[in-house]
Amino acid sequence: MVLHEKYVCSILHQACAILKTLPNYNRIDLSTLRHIFIIGDLHGQLADLLHIFNANGLPAIDNPYIFNGDFVDRGRNSVEVILLLMVALILYPSSVFLNR
């Protein structure tokens, strides 16, 4: 399935507006969280990201994630990976942390 470019542009514009307000690294108060998933380098591997979400659940207010850089640097599905991360950030800006 191909996502129409108007939706891609909308996702990128919304995510850009959020990212402009955030620092390159995050300080998170862990005392208020039951748990948090810390994800290392995805390298554009969509299958890995989908496996992580399948095993641990999608990002949500009660299911936060930290993604530590190297989101899309060499994988075949880098565009899909970054779009999924951007949508997650848009939907749950207080539960998805992108260290860049």
PDB file of N, CA and C in Angstrom:
ATOM      1  N   MET A   1       0.841  -1.171   0.000  1.00  0.00           N
ATOM      2  CA  MET A   1       0.000   0.000   0.000  1.00  0.00           C
ATOM      3  C   MET A   1       0.889   1.237   0.000  1.00  0.00           C
ATOM      4  N   VAL A   2       0.522   2.231  -0.768  1.00  0.00           N
ATOM      5  CA  VAL A   2       1.284   3.469  -0.862  1.00  0.00           C
ATOM      6  C   VAL A   2       0.472   4.582  -0.207  1.00  0.00           C
ATOM      7  N   LEU A   3       1.123   5.315   0.678  1.00  0.00           N
ATOM      8  CA  LEU A   3       0.489   6.436   1.345  1.00  0.00           C
ATOM      9  C   LEU A   3       0.580   7.666   0.445  1.00  0.00           C
ATOM     10  N   HIS A   4      -0.536   8.327   0.228  1.00  0.00           N
ATOM     11  CA  HIS A   4      -0.564   9.494  -0.655  1.00  0.00           C
ATOM     12  C   HIS A   4       0.349  10.584  -0.085  1.00  0.00           C
ATOM     13  N   GLU A   5       0.996  11.326  -0.976  1.00  0.00           N
ATOM     14  CA  GLU A   5       1.969  12.335  -0.557  1.00  0.00           C
ATOM     15  C   GLU A   5       1.368  13.418   0.324  1.00  0.00           C
ATOM     16  N   LYS A   6       0.084  13.725   0.174  1.00  0.00           N
ATOM     17  CA  LYS A   6      -0.519  14.759   1.027  1.00  0.00           C
ATOM     18  C   LYS A   6      -0.545  14.316   2.485  1.00  0.00           C
ATOM     19  N   TYR A   7      -0.704  13.013   2.720  1.00  0.00           N
ATOM     20  CA  TYR A   7      -0.687  12.505   4.089  1.00  0.00           C
ATOM     21  C   TYR A   7       0.740  12.487   4.646  1.00  0.00           C
ATOM     22  N   VAL A   8       1.687  12.135   3.805  1.00  0.00           N
ATOM     23  CA  VAL A   8       3.089  12.156   4.224  1.00  0.00           C
ATOM     24  C   VAL A   8       3.486  13.581   4.605  1.00  0.00           C
ATOM     25  N   CYS A   9       3.128  14.545   3.775  1.00  0.00           N
ATOM     26  CA  CYS A   9       3.446  15.949   4.059  1.00  0.00           C
ATOM     27  C   CYS A   9       2.786  16.413   5.355  1.00  0.00           C
ATOM     28  N   SER A  10       1.551  16.016   5.577  1.00  0.00           N
ATOM     29  CA  SER A  10       0.848  16.381   6.799  1.00  0.00           C
ATOM     30  C   SER A  10       1.550  15.809   8.032  1.00  0.00           C
ATOM     31  N   ILE A  11       1.929  14.547   7.962  1.00  0.00           N
ATOM     32  CA  ILE A  11       2.649  13.905   9.066  1.00  0.00           C
ATOM     33  C   ILE A  11       3.946  14.648   9.338  1.00  0.00           C
ATOM     34  N   LEU A  12       4.707  14.928   8.299  1.00  0.00           N
ATOM     35  CA  LEU A  12       6.001  15.589   8.469  1.00  0.00           C
ATOM     36  C   LEU A  12       5.854  17.005   9.019  1.00  0.00           C
ATOM     37  N   HIS A  13       4.871  17.747   8.559  1.00  0.00           N
ATOM     38  CA  HIS A  13       4.665  19.104   9.064  1.00  0.00           C
ATOM     39  C   HIS A  13       4.258  19.095  10.540  1.00  0.00           C
ATOM     40  N   GLN A  14       3.355  18.198  10.910  1.00  0.00           N
ATOM     41  CA  GLN A  14       2.936  18.113  12.312  1.00  0.00           C
ATOM     42  C   GLN A  14       4.088  17.680  13.215  1.00  0.00           C
ATOM     43  N   ALA A  15       4.839  16.690  12.762  1.00  0.00           N
ATOM     44  CA  ALA A  15       5.976  16.206  13.553  1.00  0.00           C
ATOM     45  C   ALA A  15       7.048  17.282  13.673  1.00  0.00           C
ATOM     46  N   CYS A  16       7.290  17.996  12.597  1.00  0.00           N
ATOM     47  CA  CYS A  16       8.292  19.068  12.608  1.00  0.00           C
ATOM     48  C   CYS A  16       7.921  20.129  13.640  1.00  0.00           C
ATOM     49  N   ALA A  17       6.664  20.502  13.697  1.00  0.00           N
ATOM     50  CA  ALA A  17       6.213  21.497  14.667  1.00  0.00           C
ATOM     51  C   ALA A  17       6.468  21.017  16.105  1.00  0.00           C
ATOM     52  N   ILE A  18       6.235  19.755  16.368  1.00  0.00           N
ATOM     53  CA  ILE A  18       6.489  19.196  17.699  1.00  0.00           C
ATOM     54  C   ILE A  18       7.978  19.142  17.976  1.00  0.00           C
ATOM     55  N   LEU A  19       8.755  18.623  17.027  1.00  0.00           N
ATOM     56  CA  LEU A  19      10.197  18.460  17.226  1.00  0.00           C
ATOM     57  C   LEU A  19      10.910  19.792  17.446  1.00  0.00           C
ATOM     58  N   LYS A  20      10.431  20.844  16.829  1.00  0.00           N
ATOM     59  CA  LYS A  20      11.049  22.165  17.007  1.00  0.00           C
ATOM     60  C   LYS A  20      10.962  22.654  18.448  1.00  0.00           C
ATOM     61  N   THR A  21       9.995  22.156  19.187  1.00  0.00           N
ATOM     62  CA  THR A  21       9.816  22.583  20.574  1.00  0.00           C
ATOM     63  C   THR A  21      10.602  21.722  21.558  1.00  0.00           C
ATOM     64  N   LEU A  22      11.202  20.646  21.086  1.00  0.00           N
ATOM     65  CA  LEU A  22      11.858  19.677  21.968  1.00  0.00           C
ATOM     66  C   LEU A  22      13.376  19.754  21.861  1.00  0.00           C
ATOM     67  N   PRO A  23      14.073  19.401  22.949  1.00  0.00           N
ATOM     68  CA  PRO A  23      15.539  19.324  22.883  1.00  0.00           C
ATOM     69  C   PRO A  23      15.983  18.077  22.122  1.00  0.00           C
ATOM     70  N   ASN A  24      17.282  17.991  21.815  1.00  0.00           N
ATOM     71  CA  ASN A  24      17.818  16.822  21.112  1.00  0.00           C
ATOM     72  C   ASN A  24      17.895  15.591  22.008  1.00  0.00           C
ATOM     73  N   TYR A  25      17.864  15.786  23.297  1.00  0.00           N
ATOM     74  CA  TYR A  25      17.815  14.662  24.231  1.00  0.00           C
ATOM     75  C   TYR A  25      16.721  14.968  25.241  1.00  0.00           C
ATOM     76  N   ASN A  26      16.253  13.948  25.909  1.00  0.00           N
ATOM     77  CA  ASN A  26      15.094  14.085  26.784  1.00  0.00           C
ATOM     78  C   ASN A  26      15.464  13.820  28.232  1.00  0.00           C
ATOM     79  N   ARG A  27      14.846  14.575  29.113  1.00  0.00           N
ATOM     80  CA  ARG A  27      14.897  14.293  30.550  1.00  0.00           C
ATOM     81  C   ARG A  27      13.493  13.814  30.928  1.00  0.00           C
ATOM     82  N   ILE A  28      13.448  12.599  31.445  1.00  0.00           N
ATOM     83  CA  ILE A  28      12.150  11.977  31.724  1.00  0.00           C
ATOM     84  C   ILE A  28      12.066  11.655  33.206  1.00  0.00           C
ATOM     85  N   ASP A  29      10.968  12.061  33.830  1.00  0.00           N
ATOM     86  CA  ASP A  29      10.731  11.750  35.231  1.00  0.00           C
ATOM     87  C   ASP A  29      10.201  10.324  35.326  1.00  0.00           C
ATOM     88  N   LEU A  30      11.072   9.415  35.697  1.00  0.00           N
ATOM     89  CA  LEU A  30      10.697   8.001  35.747  1.00  0.00           C
ATOM     90  C   LEU A  30       9.834   7.657  36.965  1.00  0.00           C
ATOM     91  N   SER A  31       9.771   8.547  37.926  1.00  0.00           N
ATOM     92  CA  SER A  31       8.994   8.243  39.137  1.00  0.00           C
ATOM     93  C   SER A  31       7.503   8.142  38.857  1.00  0.00           C
ATOM     94  N   THR A  32       7.046   8.716  37.761  1.00  0.00           N
ATOM     95  CA  THR A  32       5.614   8.671  37.438  1.00  0.00           C
ATOM     96  C   THR A  32       5.251   7.536  36.486  1.00  0.00           C
ATOM     97  N   LEU A  33       6.255   6.776  36.033  1.00  0.00           N
ATOM     98  CA  LEU A  33       6.019   5.722  35.039  1.00  0.00           C
ATOM     99  C   LEU A  33       6.087   4.338  35.684  1.00  0.00           C
ATOM    100  N   ARG A  34       5.206   3.458  35.238  1.00  0.00           N
ATOM    101  CA  ARG A  34       5.280   2.045  35.640  1.00  0.00           C
ATOM    102  C   ARG A  34       6.440   1.361  34.957  1.00  0.00           C
ATOM    103  N   HIS A  35       6.635   1.701  33.676  1.00  0.00           N
ATOM    104  CA  HIS A  35       7.712   1.136  32.867  1.00  0.00           C
ATOM    105  C   HIS A  35       7.959   2.056  31.675  1.00  0.00           C
ATOM    106  N   ILE A  36       9.058   1.823  30.998  1.00  0.00           N
ATOM    107  CA  ILE A  36       9.349   2.517  29.756  1.00  0.00           C
ATOM    108  C   ILE A  36      10.227   1.597  28.910  1.00  0.00           C
ATOM    109  N   PHE A  37       9.959   1.533  27.626  1.00  0.00           N
ATOM    110  CA  PHE A  37      10.764   0.719  26.726  1.00  0.00           C
ATOM    111  C   PHE A  37      11.832   1.603  26.095  1.00  0.00           C
ATOM    112  N   ILE A  38      13.061   1.162  26.170  1.00  0.00           N
ATOM    113  CA  ILE A  38      14.179   1.896  25.580  1.00  0.00           C
ATOM    114  C   ILE A  38      14.651   1.112  24.371  1.00  0.00           C
ATOM    115  N   ILE A  39      14.564   1.744  23.203  1.00  0.00           N
ATOM    116  CA  ILE A  39      14.879   1.083  21.942  1.00  0.00           C
ATOM    117  C   ILE A  39      16.124   1.704  21.343  1.00  0.00           C
ATOM    118  N   GLY A  40      17.078   0.859  21.004  1.00  0.00           N
ATOM    119  CA  GLY A  40      18.318   1.328  20.393  1.00  0.00           C
ATOM    120  C   GLY A  40      18.171   1.500  18.899  1.00  0.00           C
ATOM    121  N   ASP A  41      19.241   1.484  18.226  1.00  0.00           N
ATOM    122  CA  ASP A  41      19.338   1.779  16.798  1.00  0.00           C
ATOM    123  C   ASP A  41      18.428   0.891  15.943  1.00  0.00           C
ATOM    124  N   LEU A  42      17.486   1.518  15.268  1.00  0.00           N
ATOM    125  CA  LEU A  42      16.597   0.788  14.355  1.00  0.00           C
ATOM    126  C   LEU A  42      17.204   0.642  12.968  1.00  0.00           C
ATOM    127  N   HIS A  43      18.031   1.581  12.570  1.00  0.00           N
ATOM    128  CA  HIS A  43      18.714   1.545  11.266  1.00  0.00           C
ATOM    129  C   HIS A  43      17.760   1.307  10.100  1.00  0.00           C
ATOM    130  N   GLY A  44      16.532   1.818  10.199  1.00  0.00           N
ATOM    131  CA  GLY A  44      15.593   1.689   9.096  1.00  0.00           C
ATOM    132  C   GLY A  44      15.012   0.302   8.921  1.00  0.00           C
ATOM    133  N   GLN A  45      15.100  -0.524   9.934  1.00  0.00           N
ATOM    134  CA  GLN A  45      14.597  -1.900   9.852  1.00  0.00           C
ATOM    135  C   GLN A  45      13.134  -1.947  10.305  1.00  0.00           C
ATOM    136  N   LEU A  46      12.227  -1.855   9.360  1.00  0.00           N
ATOM    137  CA  LEU A  46      10.800  -1.854   9.653  1.00  0.00           C
ATOM    138  C   LEU A  46      10.373  -3.127  10.365  1.00  0.00           C
ATOM    139  N   ALA A  47      10.875  -4.255   9.952  1.00  0.00           N
ATOM    140  CA  ALA A  47      10.504  -5.526  10.588  1.00  0.00           C
ATOM    141  C   ALA A  47      10.858  -5.509  12.072  1.00  0.00           C
ATOM    142  N   ASP A  48      11.990  -4.929  12.420  1.00  0.00           N
ATOM    143  CA  ASP A  48      12.384  -4.838  13.828  1.00  0.00           C
ATOM    144  C   ASP A  48      11.424  -3.948  14.609  1.00  0.00           C
ATOM    145  N   LEU A  49      11.071  -2.800  14.041  1.00  0.00           N
ATOM    146  CA  LEU A  49      10.147  -1.886  14.713  1.00  0.00           C
ATOM    147  C   LEU A  49       8.778  -2.542  14.903  1.00  0.00           C
ATOM    148  N   LEU A  50       8.283  -3.207  13.876  1.00  0.00           N
ATOM    149  CA  LEU A  50       6.985  -3.884  13.985  1.00  0.00           C
ATOM    150  C   LEU A  50       7.031  -5.009  15.009  1.00  0.00           C
ATOM    151  N   HIS A  51       8.147  -5.725  15.062  1.00  0.00           N
ATOM    152  CA  HIS A  51       8.313  -6.782  16.063  1.00  0.00           C
ATOM    153  C   HIS A  51       8.292  -6.193  17.477  1.00  0.00           C
ATOM    154  N   ILE A  52       8.975  -5.075  17.670  1.00  0.00           N
ATOM    155  CA  ILE A  52       9.000  -4.410  18.975  1.00  0.00           C
ATOM    156  C   ILE A  52       7.589  -4.002  19.387  1.00  0.00           C
ATOM    157  N   PHE A  53       6.847  -3.377  18.469  1.00  0.00           N
ATOM    158  CA  PHE A  53       5.480  -2.965  18.780  1.00  0.00           C
ATOM    159  C   PHE A  53       4.574  -4.169  19.014  1.00  0.00           C
ATOM    160  N   ASN A  54       4.760  -5.237  18.269  1.00  0.00           N
ATOM    161  CA  ASN A  54       3.958  -6.443  18.453  1.00  0.00           C
ATOM    162  C   ASN A  54       4.233  -7.082  19.818  1.00  0.00           C
ATOM    163  N   ALA A  55       5.496  -7.121  20.203  1.00  0.00           N
ATOM    164  CA  ALA A  55       5.869  -7.761  21.466  1.00  0.00           C
ATOM    165  C   ALA A  55       5.500  -6.917  22.686  1.00  0.00           C
ATOM    166  N   ASN A  56       5.600  -5.583  22.564  1.00  0.00           N
ATOM    167  CA  ASN A  56       5.451  -4.714  23.728  1.00  0.00           C
ATOM    168  C   ASN A  56       4.213  -3.825  23.706  1.00  0.00           C
ATOM    169  N   GLY A  57       3.498  -3.821  22.598  1.00  0.00           N
ATOM    170  CA  GLY A  57       2.346  -2.936  22.459  1.00  0.00           C
ATOM    171  C   GLY A  57       2.735  -1.632  21.790  1.00  0.00           C
ATOM    172  N   LEU A  58       1.748  -0.996  21.209  1.00  0.00           N
ATOM    173  CA  LEU A  58       1.988   0.284  20.548  1.00  0.00           C
ATOM    174  C   LEU A  58       2.239   1.367  21.587  1.00  0.00           C
ATOM    175  N   PRO A  59       2.920   2.436  21.187  1.00  0.00           N
ATOM    176  CA  PRO A  59       3.093   3.551  22.117  1.00  0.00           C
ATOM    177  C   PRO A  59       1.731   4.082  22.550  1.00  0.00           C
ATOM    178  N   ALA A  60       1.636   4.431  23.816  1.00  0.00           N
ATOM    179  CA  ALA A  60       0.412   4.985  24.386  1.00  0.00           C
ATOM    180  C   ALA A  60       0.785   5.692  25.677  1.00  0.00           C
ATOM    181  N   ILE A  61      -0.160   6.393  26.239  1.00  0.00           N
ATOM    182  CA  ILE A  61       0.109   7.134  27.477  1.00  0.00           C
ATOM    183  C   ILE A  61       0.640   6.217  28.573  1.00  0.00           C
ATOM    184  N   ASP A  62       0.118   5.012  28.647  1.00  0.00           N
ATOM    185  CA  ASP A  62       0.580   4.065  29.667  1.00  0.00           C
ATOM    186  C   ASP A  62       1.595   3.055  29.130  1.00  0.00           C
ATOM    187  N   ASN A  63       2.145   3.323  27.938  1.00  0.00           N
ATOM    188  CA  ASN A  63       3.123   2.423  27.325  1.00  0.00           C
ATOM    189  C   ASN A  63       4.178   3.258  26.576  1.00  0.00           C
ATOM    190  N   PRO A  64       5.006   3.992  27.335  1.00  0.00           N
ATOM    191  CA  PRO A  64       5.950   4.926  26.707  1.00  0.00           C
ATOM    192  C   PRO A  64       7.186   4.241  26.132  1.00  0.00           C
ATOM    193  N   TYR A  65       7.774   4.920  25.158  1.00  0.00           N
ATOM    194  CA  TYR A  65       8.991   4.455  24.488  1.00  0.00           C
ATOM    195  C   TYR A  65      10.007   5.576  24.392  1.00  0.00           C
ATOM    196  N   ILE A  66      11.279   5.192  24.495  1.00  0.00           N
ATOM    197  CA  ILE A  66      12.398   6.067  24.148  1.00  0.00           C
ATOM    198  C   ILE A  66      13.088   5.416  22.960  1.00  0.00           C
ATOM    199  N   PHE A  67      13.287   6.186  21.896  1.00  0.00           N
ATOM    200  CA  PHE A  67      14.033   5.709  20.728  1.00  0.00           C
ATOM    201  C   PHE A  67      15.341   6.489  20.673  1.00  0.00           C
ATOM    202  N   ASN A  68      16.457   5.762  20.702  1.00  0.00           N
ATOM    203  CA  ASN A  68      17.773   6.380  20.777  1.00  0.00           C
ATOM    204  C   ASN A  68      18.468   6.446  19.424  1.00  0.00           C
ATOM    205  N   GLY A  69      18.184   7.462  18.662  1.00  0.00           N
ATOM    206  CA  GLY A  69      18.913   7.778  17.435  1.00  0.00           C
ATOM    207  C   GLY A  69      19.025   6.661  16.418  1.00  0.00           C
ATOM    208  N   ASP A  70      19.797   6.928  15.368  1.00  0.00           N
ATOM    209  CA  ASP A  70      20.002   5.987  14.266  1.00  0.00           C
ATOM    210  C   ASP A  70      18.701   5.330  13.833  1.00  0.00           C
ATOM    211  N   PHE A  71      17.675   6.158  13.633  1.00  0.00           N
ATOM    212  CA  PHE A  71      16.368   5.634  13.252  1.00  0.00           C
ATOM    213  C   PHE A  71      16.385   5.067  11.835  1.00  0.00           C
ATOM    214  N   VAL A  72      17.055   5.748  10.921  1.00  0.00           N
ATOM    215  CA  VAL A  72      16.871   5.454   9.496  1.00  0.00           C
ATOM    216  C   VAL A  72      18.145   5.480   8.669  1.00  0.00           C
ATOM    217  N   ASP A  73      19.263   5.238   9.227  1.00  0.00           N
ATOM    218  CA  ASP A  73      20.505   5.492   8.502  1.00  0.00           C
ATOM    219  C   ASP A  73      20.894   4.492   7.418  1.00  0.00           C
ATOM    220  N   ARG A  74      20.354   3.289   7.397  1.00  0.00           N
ATOM    221  CA  ARG A  74      20.791   2.362   6.353  1.00  0.00           C
ATOM    222  C   ARG A  74      19.795   1.293   5.918  1.00  0.00           C
ATOM    223  N   GLY A  75      18.658   1.225   6.513  1.00  0.00           N
ATOM    224  CA  GLY A  75      17.711   0.162   6.179  1.00  0.00           C
ATOM    225  C   GLY A  75      16.913   0.432   4.918  1.00  0.00           C
ATOM    226  N   ARG A  76      16.359  -0.629   4.378  1.00  0.00           N
ATOM    227  CA  ARG A  76      15.552  -0.539   3.151  1.00  0.00           C
ATOM    228  C   ARG A  76      14.243   0.192   3.373  1.00  0.00           C
ATOM    229  N   ASN A  77      13.750   0.178   4.581  1.00  0.00           N
ATOM    230  CA  ASN A  77      12.436   0.762   4.881  1.00  0.00           C
ATOM    231  C   ASN A  77      12.547   1.987   5.786  1.00  0.00           C
ATOM    232  N   SER A  78      13.553   2.804   5.535  1.00  0.00           N
ATOM    233  CA  SER A  78      13.779   3.975   6.371  1.00  0.00           C
ATOM    234  C   SER A  78      12.606   4.940   6.359  1.00  0.00           C
ATOM    235  N   VAL A  79      11.994   5.147   5.196  1.00  0.00           N
ATOM    236  CA  VAL A  79      10.864   6.077   5.107  1.00  0.00           C
ATOM    237  C   VAL A  79       9.706   5.574   5.962  1.00  0.00           C
ATOM    238  N   GLU A  80       9.406   4.302   5.883  1.00  0.00           N
ATOM    239  CA  GLU A  80       8.315   3.737   6.670  1.00  0.00           C
ATOM    240  C   GLU A  80       8.599   3.840   8.165  1.00  0.00           C
ATOM    241  N   VAL A  81       9.844   3.586   8.554  1.00  0.00           N
ATOM    242  CA  VAL A  81      10.221   3.653   9.966  1.00  0.00           C
ATOM    243  C   VAL A  81      10.047   5.070  10.491  1.00  0.00           C
ATOM    244  N   ILE A  82      10.579   6.059   9.786  1.00  0.00           N
ATOM    245  CA  ILE A  82      10.486   7.429  10.292  1.00  0.00           C
ATOM    246  C   ILE A  82       9.039   7.915  10.304  1.00  0.00           C
ATOM    247  N   LEU A  83       8.256   7.507   9.317  1.00  0.00           N
ATOM    248  CA  LEU A  83       6.843   7.909   9.324  1.00  0.00           C
ATOM    249  C   LEU A  83       6.093   7.288  10.507  1.00  0.00           C
ATOM    250  N   LEU A  84       6.354   6.031  10.803  1.00  0.00           N
ATOM    251  CA  LEU A  84       5.713   5.403  11.972  1.00  0.00           C
ATOM    252  C   LEU A  84       6.120   6.102  13.269  1.00  0.00           C
ATOM    253  N   LEU A  85       7.391   6.433  13.393  1.00  0.00           N
ATOM    254  CA  LEU A  85       7.849   7.132  14.592  1.00  0.00           C
ATOM    255  C   LEU A  85       7.229   8.521  14.689  1.00  0.00           C
ATOM    256  N   MET A  86       7.110   9.202  13.567  1.00  0.00           N
ATOM    257  CA  MET A  86       6.512  10.541  13.570  1.00  0.00           C
ATOM    258  C   MET A  86       5.025  10.482  13.926  1.00  0.00           C
ATOM    259  N   VAL A  87       4.310   9.502  13.406  1.00  0.00           N
ATOM    260  CA  VAL A  87       2.890   9.343  13.750  1.00  0.00           C
ATOM    261  C   VAL A  87       2.750   9.042  15.246  1.00  0.00           C
ATOM    262  N   ALA A  88       3.611   8.191  15.772  1.00  0.00           N
ATOM    263  CA  ALA A  88       3.570   7.887  17.205  1.00  0.00           C
ATOM    264  C   ALA A  88       3.837   9.151  18.025  1.00  0.00           C
ATOM    265  N   LEU A  89       4.786   9.957  17.598  1.00  0.00           N
ATOM    266  CA  LEU A  89       5.086  11.207  18.293  1.00  0.00           C
ATOM    267  C   LEU A  89       3.892  12.160  18.250  1.00  0.00           C
ATOM    268  N   ILE A  90       3.244  12.257  17.110  1.00  0.00           N
ATOM    269  CA  ILE A  90       2.067  13.130  16.966  1.00  0.00           C
ATOM    270  C   ILE A  90       0.937  12.660  17.877  1.00  0.00           C
ATOM    271  N   LEU A  91       0.689  11.362  17.900  1.00  0.00           N
ATOM    272  CA  LEU A  91      -0.419  10.823  18.689  1.00  0.00           C
ATOM    273  C   LEU A  91      -0.151  10.862  20.190  1.00  0.00           C
ATOM    274  N   TYR A  92       1.097  10.609  20.589  1.00  0.00           N
ATOM    275  CA  TYR A  92       1.446  10.503  22.004  1.00  0.00           C
ATOM    276  C   TYR A  92       2.723  11.283  22.304  1.00  0.00           C
ATOM    277  N   PRO A  93       2.685  12.605  22.189  1.00  0.00           N
ATOM    278  CA  PRO A  93       3.906  13.396  22.375  1.00  0.00           C
ATOM    279  C   PRO A  93       4.495  13.305  23.790  1.00  0.00           C
ATOM    280  N   SER A  94       3.692  12.921  24.767  1.00  0.00           N
ATOM    281  CA  SER A  94       4.227  12.786  26.122  1.00  0.00           C
ATOM    282  C   SER A  94       4.666  11.353  26.437  1.00  0.00           C
ATOM    283  N   SER A  95       4.584  10.461  25.432  1.00  0.00           N
ATOM    284  CA  SER A  95       4.937   9.048  25.657  1.00  0.00           C
ATOM    285  C   SER A  95       5.909   8.495  24.620  1.00  0.00           C
ATOM    286  N   VAL A  96       6.267   9.293  23.647  1.00  0.00           N
ATOM    287  CA  VAL A  96       7.240   8.879  22.633  1.00  0.00           C
ATOM    288  C   VAL A  96       8.376   9.899  22.658  1.00  0.00           C
ATOM    289  N   PHE A  97       9.562   9.401  22.970  1.00  0.00           N
ATOM    290  CA  PHE A  97      10.731  10.271  23.106  1.00  0.00           C
ATOM    291  C   PHE A  97      11.755   9.862  22.053  1.00  0.00           C
ATOM    292  N   LEU A  98      12.172  10.818  21.255  1.00  0.00           N
ATOM    293  CA  LEU A  98      13.127  10.563  20.179  1.00  0.00           C
ATOM    294  C   LEU A  98      14.422  11.305  20.495  1.00  0.00           C
ATOM    295  N   ASN A  99      15.426  10.571  20.922  1.00  0.00           N
ATOM    296  CA  ASN A  99      16.738  11.171  21.136  1.00  0.00           C
ATOM    297  C   ASN A  99      17.450  11.231  19.805  1.00  0.00           C
ATOM    298  N   ARG A 100      17.803  12.444  19.383  1.00  0.00           N
ATOM    299  CA  ARG A 100      18.384  12.616  18.067  1.00  0.00           C
ATOM    300  C   ARG A 100      19.786  13.137  18.145  1.00  0.00           C
TER     301      ARG A 100
END
